[in-house]
Amino acid sequence: MVRALIPLACMMLLSCAPDARSIKLTDVDLSDMDTVQGIRSQLSANDGAIFANYVVKHSLTSASFCGHPLVDPNGYPPKTVGEAIELTIVRDAEDRAERIAARRPKNSWELKQERWDDLVSERDMLIDSQSMLLAKHGSEAERLPEWKSIEARKVDLESRLREMKPTVFKS
């Protein structure tokens, strides 16, 4: 008789249980995988997979935390499992779009812009090197062979930047 009542009691408890998507995240220990699995089992297969992804990648307590907290447009973290699922869907779509954009071929202007940025960065590093030489050797730095080498490379870079400027910055 008691064994016959156990399945009935379980069904009654499950019918009283809140919708898994409405479970508050503050009420859940996301580091307890049994709890996470219990919630996941109450969700659809798709939502369960997304929730698991949230727990692994986007939960602040996860060892695999992606480093970017998941927040809604107002800057608040998800409050419920459902919000976590929805925000994870959005973030994962954004991440996919970024990966696709990074793989797409670049047009000629983007390539020129990248080359320009590389040359400017190289020039800035040379200027930093000269500053370090000045700090270390004072006015004597300008007589050092390294200084002359840096100056020659800077002149070359400046020339290349002048040549590129009209193609990168159309006025």
N, C-alpha and C. Protein backbone atom coordinates (compact mmCIF):
# COMPACT_ATOMS: atom_id res chain seq x y z
N MET A 1 0.82 -1.19 0.00
CA MET A 1 0.00 0.00 0.00
C MET A 1 0.87 1.26 0.00
N VAL A 2 1.90 1.27 0.87
CA VAL A 2 2.78 2.43 0.96
C VAL A 2 3.53 2.62 -0.36
N ARG A 3 3.96 1.50 -0.96
CA ARG A 3 4.68 1.60 -2.23
C ARG A 3 3.80 2.19 -3.32
N ALA A 4 2.56 1.94 -3.27
CA ALA A 4 1.64 2.48 -4.26
C ALA A 4 1.47 3.99 -4.09
N LEU A 5 1.65 4.48 -2.88
CA LEU A 5 1.47 5.91 -2.62
C LEU A 5 2.71 6.73 -2.98
N ILE A 6 3.87 6.11 -3.03
CA ILE A 6 5.11 6.84 -3.31
C ILE A 6 5.06 7.51 -4.69
N PRO A 7 4.71 6.80 -5.77
CA PRO A 7 4.64 7.49 -7.06
C PRO A 7 3.61 8.61 -7.06
N LEU A 8 2.50 8.39 -6.37
CA LEU A 8 1.47 9.42 -6.30
C LEU A 8 2.00 10.66 -5.57
N ALA A 9 2.74 10.44 -4.49
CA ALA A 9 3.31 11.56 -3.73
C ALA A 9 4.34 12.31 -4.58
N CYS A 10 5.15 11.58 -5.33
CA CYS A 10 6.14 12.22 -6.20
C CYS A 10 5.45 13.07 -7.26
N MET A 11 4.39 12.54 -7.85
CA MET A 11 3.67 13.30 -8.87
C MET A 11 3.06 14.56 -8.28
N MET A 12 2.56 14.45 -7.06
CA MET A 12 1.97 15.62 -6.42
C MET A 12 3.04 16.68 -6.14
N LEU A 13 4.20 16.23 -5.68
CA LEU A 13 5.28 17.18 -5.41
C LEU A 13 5.75 17.87 -6.68
N LEU A 14 5.89 17.10 -7.75
CA LEU A 14 6.33 17.69 -9.01
C LEU A 14 5.30 18.66 -9.56
N SER A 15 4.04 18.36 -9.37
CA SER A 15 3.01 19.26 -9.88
C SER A 15 2.97 20.55 -9.09
N CYS A 16 3.43 20.53 -7.84
CA CYS A 16 3.47 21.73 -7.02
C CYS A 16 4.77 22.50 -7.21
N ALA A 17 5.77 21.83 -7.77
CA ALA A 17 7.07 22.48 -7.95
C ALA A 17 6.93 23.63 -8.93
N PRO A 18 7.68 24.69 -8.70
CA PRO A 18 7.60 25.83 -9.62
C PRO A 18 8.18 25.45 -10.98
N ASP A 19 7.74 26.18 -11.99
CA ASP A 19 8.31 26.02 -13.31
C ASP A 19 9.82 26.23 -13.18
N ALA A 20 10.60 25.36 -13.77
CA ALA A 20 12.05 25.44 -13.61
C ALA A 20 12.61 26.78 -14.07
N ARG A 21 12.01 27.38 -15.07
CA ARG A 21 12.50 28.67 -15.57
C ARG A 21 12.28 29.80 -14.56
N SER A 22 11.36 29.60 -13.62
CA SER A 22 11.09 30.67 -12.64
C SER A 22 11.88 30.50 -11.34
N ILE A 23 12.71 29.48 -11.28
CA ILE A 23 13.53 29.28 -10.08
C ILE A 23 14.52 30.43 -9.95
N LYS A 24 14.57 31.01 -8.76
CA LYS A 24 15.50 32.12 -8.52
C LYS A 24 16.91 31.58 -8.40
N LEU A 25 17.83 32.21 -9.09
CA LEU A 25 19.22 31.77 -9.05
C LEU A 25 19.84 31.96 -7.67
N THR A 26 19.33 32.92 -6.91
CA THR A 26 19.86 33.13 -5.56
C THR A 26 19.50 31.98 -4.63
N ASP A 27 18.49 31.20 -5.01
CA ASP A 27 18.07 30.06 -4.20
C ASP A 27 18.79 28.78 -4.58
N VAL A 28 19.69 28.86 -5.55
CA VAL A 28 20.32 27.66 -6.10
C VAL A 28 21.83 27.74 -5.93
N ASP A 29 22.43 26.64 -5.52
CA ASP A 29 23.88 26.54 -5.45
C ASP A 29 24.36 26.01 -6.80
N LEU A 30 24.81 26.91 -7.66
CA LEU A 30 25.21 26.51 -9.01
C LEU A 30 26.50 25.71 -9.03
N SER A 31 27.19 25.64 -7.91
CA SER A 31 28.40 24.81 -7.86
C SER A 31 28.05 23.36 -7.51
N ASP A 32 26.80 23.11 -7.14
CA ASP A 32 26.34 21.75 -6.84
C ASP A 32 25.74 21.16 -8.11
N MET A 33 26.50 20.28 -8.75
CA MET A 33 26.07 19.74 -10.04
C MET A 33 24.82 18.87 -9.93
N ASP A 34 24.56 18.29 -8.77
CA ASP A 34 23.32 17.52 -8.61
C ASP A 34 22.12 18.47 -8.69
N THR A 35 22.24 19.62 -8.07
CA THR A 35 21.16 20.61 -8.11
C THR A 35 20.98 21.12 -9.54
N VAL A 36 22.08 21.42 -10.19
CA VAL A 36 22.03 21.90 -11.57
C VAL A 36 21.39 20.85 -12.46
N GLN A 37 21.79 19.61 -12.28
CA GLN A 37 21.22 18.52 -13.09
C GLN A 37 19.73 18.37 -12.81
N GLY A 38 19.33 18.56 -11.56
CA GLY A 38 17.91 18.48 -11.22
C GLY A 38 17.10 19.55 -11.94
N ILE A 39 17.63 20.76 -11.98
CA ILE A 39 16.95 21.85 -12.69
C ILE A 39 16.95 21.56 -14.18
N ARG A 40 18.09 21.12 -14.67
CA ARG A 40 18.20 20.84 -16.10
C ARG A 40 17.20 19.78 -16.55
N SER A 41 16.99 18.80 -15.71
CA SER A 41 16.06 17.73 -16.07
C SER A 41 14.61 18.21 -16.13
N GLN A 42 14.32 19.33 -15.49
CA GLN A 42 12.96 19.89 -15.52
C GLN A 42 12.74 20.78 -16.75
N LEU A 43 13.81 21.08 -17.45
CA LEU A 43 13.73 21.96 -18.61
C LEU A 43 13.63 21.14 -19.89
N SER A 44 13.25 21.80 -20.98
CA SER A 44 13.29 21.12 -22.28
C SER A 44 14.75 20.80 -22.59
N ALA A 45 14.97 19.92 -23.54
CA ALA A 45 16.34 19.53 -23.88
C ALA A 45 17.16 20.75 -24.30
N ASN A 46 16.57 21.62 -25.12
CA ASN A 46 17.28 22.81 -25.58
C ASN A 46 17.58 23.76 -24.42
N ASP A 47 16.56 24.06 -23.62
CA ASP A 47 16.76 24.95 -22.48
C ASP A 47 17.74 24.36 -21.48
N GLY A 48 17.68 23.05 -21.31
CA GLY A 48 18.60 22.39 -20.38
C GLY A 48 20.05 22.55 -20.82
N ALA A 49 20.28 22.41 -22.11
CA ALA A 49 21.64 22.57 -22.63
C ALA A 49 22.11 24.02 -22.46
N ILE A 50 21.21 24.95 -22.71
CA ILE A 50 21.57 26.37 -22.57
C ILE A 50 21.83 26.71 -21.10
N PHE A 51 21.01 26.17 -20.21
CA PHE A 51 21.22 26.41 -18.79
C PHE A 51 22.57 25.83 -18.34
N ALA A 52 22.89 24.64 -18.82
CA ALA A 52 24.18 24.04 -18.48
C ALA A 52 25.32 24.92 -18.99
N ASN A 53 25.16 25.47 -20.17
CA ASN A 53 26.15 26.39 -20.73
C ASN A 53 26.28 27.62 -19.83
N TYR A 54 25.15 28.14 -19.37
CA TYR A 54 25.18 29.29 -18.45
C TYR A 54 25.99 28.94 -17.20
N VAL A 55 25.70 27.80 -16.62
CA VAL A 55 26.37 27.41 -15.37
C VAL A 55 27.87 27.27 -15.60
N VAL A 56 28.25 26.67 -16.71
CA VAL A 56 29.68 26.41 -16.96
C VAL A 56 30.42 27.68 -17.39
N LYS A 57 29.85 28.45 -18.31
CA LYS A 57 30.59 29.58 -18.88
C LYS A 57 30.29 30.92 -18.24
N HIS A 58 29.07 31.12 -17.80
CA HIS A 58 28.66 32.47 -17.41
C HIS A 58 28.42 32.66 -15.92
N SER A 59 28.41 31.59 -15.17
CA SER A 59 28.21 31.70 -13.73
C SER A 59 29.52 32.18 -13.11
N LEU A 60 29.42 33.20 -12.28
CA LEU A 60 30.63 33.79 -11.68
C LEU A 60 31.43 32.80 -10.85
N THR A 61 30.77 31.79 -10.32
CA THR A 61 31.45 30.83 -9.45
C THR A 61 32.07 29.67 -10.23
N SER A 62 31.87 29.63 -11.52
CA SER A 62 32.38 28.52 -12.33
C SER A 62 33.88 28.65 -12.56
N ALA A 63 34.55 27.53 -12.54
CA ALA A 63 35.99 27.52 -12.84
C ALA A 63 36.23 27.87 -14.30
N SER A 64 35.23 27.68 -15.14
CA SER A 64 35.35 27.98 -16.57
C SER A 64 34.68 29.31 -16.93
N PHE A 65 34.48 30.17 -15.95
CA PHE A 65 33.83 31.46 -16.18
C PHE A 65 34.52 32.19 -17.33
N CYS A 66 33.72 32.71 -18.25
CA CYS A 66 34.25 33.35 -19.46
C CYS A 66 34.92 34.69 -19.18
N GLY A 67 34.67 35.27 -18.03
CA GLY A 67 35.31 36.53 -17.69
C GLY A 67 34.44 37.75 -17.94
N HIS A 68 33.29 37.55 -18.54
CA HIS A 68 32.38 38.65 -18.83
C HIS A 68 31.03 38.34 -18.19
N PRO A 69 30.71 39.00 -17.09
CA PRO A 69 29.45 38.70 -16.41
C PRO A 69 28.26 38.88 -17.36
N LEU A 70 27.33 37.99 -17.22
CA LEU A 70 26.11 38.03 -18.03
C LEU A 70 25.14 38.99 -17.36
N VAL A 71 24.76 40.05 -18.07
CA VAL A 71 23.84 41.04 -17.51
C VAL A 71 22.78 41.40 -18.54
N ASP A 72 21.65 41.89 -18.04
CA ASP A 72 20.58 42.32 -18.93
C ASP A 72 20.90 43.72 -19.46
N PRO A 73 20.08 44.27 -20.33
CA PRO A 73 20.36 45.61 -20.88
C PRO A 73 20.50 46.70 -19.83
N ASN A 74 19.93 46.49 -18.64
CA ASN A 74 20.05 47.47 -17.57
C ASN A 74 21.26 47.23 -16.68
N GLY A 75 22.04 46.21 -17.01
CA GLY A 75 23.25 45.92 -16.24
C GLY A 75 23.05 45.00 -15.06
N TYR A 76 21.89 44.36 -14.97
CA TYR A 76 21.61 43.47 -13.84
C TYR A 76 21.83 42.01 -14.24
N PRO A 77 22.37 41.22 -13.33
CA PRO A 77 22.53 39.79 -13.63
C PRO A 77 21.17 39.10 -13.66
N PRO A 78 21.10 37.94 -14.28
CA PRO A 78 19.82 37.24 -14.33
C PRO A 78 19.36 36.86 -12.92
N LYS A 79 18.05 36.94 -12.72
CA LYS A 79 17.48 36.61 -11.41
C LYS A 79 16.94 35.19 -11.38
N THR A 80 16.50 34.71 -12.53
CA THR A 80 15.88 33.38 -12.58
C THR A 80 16.59 32.51 -13.61
N VAL A 81 16.28 31.24 -13.56
CA VAL A 81 16.82 30.30 -14.54
C VAL A 81 16.40 30.74 -15.94
N GLY A 82 15.15 31.15 -16.09
CA GLY A 82 14.66 31.60 -17.40
C GLY A 82 15.43 32.80 -17.93
N GLU A 83 15.69 33.77 -17.06
CA GLU A 83 16.47 34.94 -17.48
C GLU A 83 17.89 34.52 -17.85
N ALA A 84 18.45 33.62 -17.09
CA ALA A 84 19.81 33.13 -17.39
C ALA A 84 19.83 32.46 -18.77
N ILE A 85 18.80 31.70 -19.06
CA ILE A 85 18.71 31.03 -20.36
C ILE A 85 18.61 32.07 -21.47
N GLU A 86 17.72 33.04 -21.30
CA GLU A 86 17.52 34.06 -22.34
C GLU A 86 18.79 34.88 -22.56
N LEU A 87 19.45 35.29 -21.49
CA LEU A 87 20.67 36.08 -21.63
C LEU A 87 21.81 35.25 -22.23
N THR A 88 21.84 33.97 -21.91
CA THR A 88 22.85 33.09 -22.49
C THR A 88 22.64 32.95 -23.99
N ILE A 89 21.39 32.85 -24.40
CA ILE A 89 21.08 32.77 -25.83
C ILE A 89 21.62 34.01 -26.55
N VAL A 90 21.34 35.17 -25.97
CA VAL A 90 21.79 36.43 -26.58
C VAL A 90 23.32 36.49 -26.63
N ARG A 91 23.97 36.18 -25.49
CA ARG A 91 25.44 36.26 -25.44
C ARG A 91 26.07 35.27 -26.41
N ASP A 92 25.54 34.06 -26.46
CA ASP A 92 26.12 33.07 -27.37
C ASP A 92 25.95 33.49 -28.83
N ALA A 93 24.83 34.12 -29.15
CA ALA A 93 24.62 34.62 -30.51
C ALA A 93 25.62 35.73 -30.82
N GLU A 94 25.85 36.61 -29.86
CA GLU A 94 26.84 37.69 -30.05
C GLU A 94 28.23 37.10 -30.24
N ASP A 95 28.58 36.11 -29.42
CA ASP A 95 29.89 35.47 -29.54
C ASP A 95 30.06 34.80 -30.90
N ARG A 96 29.00 34.12 -31.36
CA ARG A 96 29.06 33.48 -32.69
C ARG A 96 29.26 34.53 -33.78
N ALA A 97 28.53 35.63 -33.68
CA ALA A 97 28.64 36.69 -34.69
C ALA A 97 30.05 37.27 -34.70
N GLU A 98 30.65 37.44 -33.54
CA GLU A 98 32.02 37.95 -33.47
C GLU A 98 33.01 36.98 -34.11
N ARG A 99 32.81 35.69 -33.84
CA ARG A 99 33.71 34.69 -34.43
C ARG A 99 33.57 34.67 -35.95
N ILE A 100 32.34 34.78 -36.43
CA ILE A 100 32.11 34.79 -37.88
C ILE A 100 32.73 36.03 -38.50
N ALA A 101 32.53 37.17 -37.85
CA ALA A 101 33.10 38.42 -38.37
C ALA A 101 34.63 38.36 -38.41
N ALA A 102 35.21 37.73 -37.42
CA ALA A 102 36.67 37.63 -37.37
C ALA A 102 37.20 36.74 -38.49
N ARG A 103 36.39 35.78 -38.93
CA ARG A 103 36.84 34.85 -39.98
C ARG A 103 36.57 35.37 -41.38
N ARG A 104 35.67 36.33 -41.51
CA ARG A 104 35.31 36.79 -42.85
C ARG A 104 36.50 37.52 -43.49
N PRO A 105 36.58 37.44 -44.79
CA PRO A 105 37.67 38.16 -45.46
C PRO A 105 37.52 39.66 -45.25
N LYS A 106 38.63 40.32 -45.10
CA LYS A 106 38.60 41.76 -44.88
C LYS A 106 38.68 42.47 -46.22
N ASN A 107 37.99 43.60 -46.30
CA ASN A 107 38.08 44.37 -47.54
C ASN A 107 39.39 45.15 -47.55
N SER A 108 39.69 45.73 -48.69
CA SER A 108 40.99 46.38 -48.85
C SER A 108 41.17 47.54 -47.89
N TRP A 109 40.09 48.28 -47.61
CA TRP A 109 40.23 49.40 -46.68
C TRP A 109 40.58 48.90 -45.28
N GLU A 110 39.94 47.81 -44.83
CA GLU A 110 40.25 47.26 -43.50
C GLU A 110 41.70 46.80 -43.43
N LEU A 111 42.17 46.20 -44.50
CA LEU A 111 43.57 45.76 -44.53
C LEU A 111 44.52 46.96 -44.47
N LYS A 112 44.17 48.01 -45.20
CA LYS A 112 45.00 49.22 -45.16
C LYS A 112 44.98 49.84 -43.76
N GLN A 113 43.80 49.86 -43.15
CA GLN A 113 43.68 50.43 -41.81
C GLN A 113 44.51 49.62 -40.81
N GLU A 114 44.47 48.31 -40.93
CA GLU A 114 45.28 47.47 -40.03
C GLU A 114 46.77 47.73 -40.25
N ARG A 115 47.17 47.84 -41.50
CA ARG A 115 48.58 48.11 -41.80
C ARG A 115 48.98 49.48 -41.24
N TRP A 116 48.10 50.47 -41.40
CA TRP A 116 48.35 51.80 -40.84
C TRP A 116 48.55 51.71 -39.33
N ASP A 117 47.63 51.02 -38.67
CA ASP A 117 47.71 50.87 -37.22
C ASP A 117 49.00 50.18 -36.79
N ASP A 118 49.41 49.18 -37.56
CA ASP A 118 50.67 48.48 -37.25
C ASP A 118 51.86 49.43 -37.36
N LEU A 119 51.87 50.23 -38.42
CA LEU A 119 52.98 51.18 -38.61
C LEU A 119 53.00 52.23 -37.50
N VAL A 120 51.83 52.73 -37.14
CA VAL A 120 51.76 53.73 -36.06
C VAL A 120 52.24 53.11 -34.75
N SER A 121 51.83 51.89 -34.51
CA SER A 121 52.25 51.20 -33.29
C SER A 121 53.76 51.00 -33.27
N GLU A 122 54.30 50.61 -34.41
CA GLU A 122 55.75 50.43 -34.51
C GLU A 122 56.48 51.75 -34.26
N ARG A 123 55.97 52.82 -34.85
CA ARG A 123 56.57 54.15 -34.63
C ARG A 123 56.51 54.54 -33.16
N ASP A 124 55.37 54.28 -32.53
CA ASP A 124 55.22 54.62 -31.11
C ASP A 124 56.21 53.84 -30.24
N MET A 125 56.46 52.60 -30.60
CA MET A 125 57.43 51.81 -29.84
C MET A 125 58.84 52.38 -30.01
N LEU A 126 59.13 52.86 -31.21
CA LEU A 126 60.44 53.48 -31.43
C LEU A 126 60.58 54.76 -30.60
N ILE A 127 59.52 55.54 -30.54
CA ILE A 127 59.54 56.75 -29.72
C ILE A 127 59.75 56.39 -28.25
N ASP A 128 59.08 55.33 -27.81
CA ASP A 128 59.27 54.87 -26.43
C ASP A 128 60.72 54.44 -26.19
N SER A 129 61.30 53.77 -27.18
CA SER A 129 62.70 53.34 -27.05
C SER A 129 63.62 54.55 -26.92
N GLN A 130 63.33 55.57 -27.71
CA GLN A 130 64.14 56.78 -27.60
C GLN A 130 63.96 57.44 -26.23
N SER A 131 62.76 57.45 -25.74
CA SER A 131 62.52 58.03 -24.41
C SER A 131 63.29 57.27 -23.34
N MET A 132 63.34 55.96 -23.47
CA MET A 132 64.08 55.16 -22.50
C MET A 132 65.58 55.46 -22.59
N LEU A 133 66.07 55.61 -23.81
CA LEU A 133 67.49 55.95 -23.98
C LEU A 133 67.79 57.32 -23.36
N LEU A 134 66.89 58.27 -23.57
CA LEU A 134 67.08 59.60 -22.98
C LEU A 134 67.07 59.53 -21.45
N ALA A 135 66.16 58.74 -20.92
CA ALA A 135 66.07 58.62 -19.47
C ALA A 135 67.33 57.98 -18.90
N LYS A 136 67.88 57.04 -19.63
CA LYS A 136 69.05 56.31 -19.14
C LYS A 136 70.36 57.08 -19.36
N HIS A 137 70.47 57.73 -20.54
CA HIS A 137 71.76 58.33 -20.90
C HIS A 137 71.73 59.86 -20.98
N GLY A 138 70.59 60.44 -20.79
CA GLY A 138 70.49 61.90 -20.88
C GLY A 138 70.75 62.38 -22.29
N SER A 139 71.37 63.55 -22.40
CA SER A 139 71.61 64.14 -23.72
C SER A 139 72.62 63.33 -24.54
N GLU A 140 73.37 62.47 -23.89
CA GLU A 140 74.33 61.61 -24.59
C GLU A 140 73.61 60.56 -25.46
N ALA A 141 72.35 60.31 -25.19
CA ALA A 141 71.59 59.28 -25.92
C ALA A 141 71.60 59.54 -27.42
N GLU A 142 71.55 60.81 -27.81
CA GLU A 142 71.47 61.15 -29.23
C GLU A 142 72.75 60.80 -29.98
N ARG A 143 73.81 60.54 -29.28
CA ARG A 143 75.08 60.18 -29.92
C ARG A 143 75.27 58.66 -30.01
N LEU A 144 74.39 57.92 -29.40
CA LEU A 144 74.51 56.46 -29.38
C LEU A 144 74.10 55.86 -30.73
N PRO A 145 74.72 54.73 -31.11
CA PRO A 145 74.35 54.07 -32.37
C PRO A 145 72.88 53.62 -32.38
N GLU A 146 72.38 53.22 -31.21
CA GLU A 146 70.98 52.79 -31.14
C GLU A 146 70.04 53.93 -31.51
N TRP A 147 70.40 55.13 -31.06
CA TRP A 147 69.58 56.31 -31.35
C TRP A 147 69.50 56.54 -32.85
N LYS A 148 70.66 56.47 -33.49
CA LYS A 148 70.71 56.71 -34.93
C LYS A 148 69.91 55.64 -35.68
N SER A 149 69.99 54.41 -35.23
CA SER A 149 69.23 53.33 -35.85
C SER A 149 67.72 53.57 -35.68
N ILE A 150 67.34 53.98 -34.50
CA ILE A 150 65.93 54.26 -34.23
C ILE A 150 65.46 55.43 -35.10
N GLU A 151 66.28 56.46 -35.20
CA GLU A 151 65.92 57.63 -36.02
C GLU A 151 65.71 57.22 -37.47
N ALA A 152 66.60 56.38 -37.99
CA ALA A 152 66.49 55.95 -39.39
C ALA A 152 65.19 55.16 -39.59
N ARG A 153 64.87 54.29 -38.66
CA ARG A 153 63.63 53.51 -38.77
C ARG A 153 62.41 54.42 -38.65
N LYS A 154 62.49 55.43 -37.79
CA LYS A 154 61.37 56.37 -37.64
C LYS A 154 61.15 57.15 -38.94
N VAL A 155 62.24 57.59 -39.56
CA VAL A 155 62.12 58.34 -40.82
C VAL A 155 61.45 57.46 -41.88
N ASP A 156 61.87 56.21 -41.95
CA ASP A 156 61.27 55.27 -42.91
C ASP A 156 59.77 55.09 -42.62
N LEU A 157 59.44 54.90 -41.36
CA LEU A 157 58.03 54.72 -40.99
C LEU A 157 57.21 55.96 -41.30
N GLU A 158 57.74 57.12 -40.99
CA GLU A 158 57.02 58.37 -41.26
C GLU A 158 56.77 58.52 -42.76
N SER A 159 57.75 58.16 -43.55
CA SER A 159 57.60 58.23 -45.01
C SER A 159 56.49 57.29 -45.48
N ARG A 160 56.50 56.07 -44.97
CA ARG A 160 55.47 55.10 -45.35
C ARG A 160 54.09 55.55 -44.89
N LEU A 161 54.01 56.13 -43.71
CA LEU A 161 52.73 56.63 -43.21
C LEU A 161 52.22 57.79 -44.08
N ARG A 162 53.12 58.68 -44.49
CA ARG A 162 52.72 59.79 -45.36
C ARG A 162 52.17 59.27 -46.69
N GLU A 163 52.82 58.24 -47.23
CA GLU A 163 52.36 57.65 -48.49
C GLU A 163 50.98 56.99 -48.33
N MET A 164 50.78 56.34 -47.21
CA MET A 164 49.53 55.61 -46.97
C MET A 164 48.36 56.51 -46.61
N LYS A 165 48.65 57.63 -46.00
CA LYS A 165 47.58 58.47 -45.43
C LYS A 165 46.44 58.76 -46.41
N PRO A 166 46.71 59.15 -47.65
CA PRO A 166 45.59 59.45 -48.56
C PRO A 166 44.72 58.23 -48.87
N THR A 167 45.29 57.04 -48.81
CA THR A 167 44.50 55.84 -49.12
C THR A 167 43.70 55.35 -47.92
N VAL A 168 44.15 55.71 -46.73
CA VAL A 168 43.46 55.27 -45.52
C VAL A 168 42.44 56.29 -45.07
N PHE A 169 42.83 57.56 -45.14
CA PHE A 169 41.95 58.64 -44.69
C PHE A 169 41.56 59.50 -45.88
N LYS A 170 40.52 59.09 -46.53
CA LYS A 170 40.07 59.84 -47.71
C LYS A 170 39.37 61.11 -47.23
N SER A 171 39.80 62.22 -47.79
CA SER A 171 39.19 63.49 -47.36
C SER A 171 38.40 64.13 -48.47
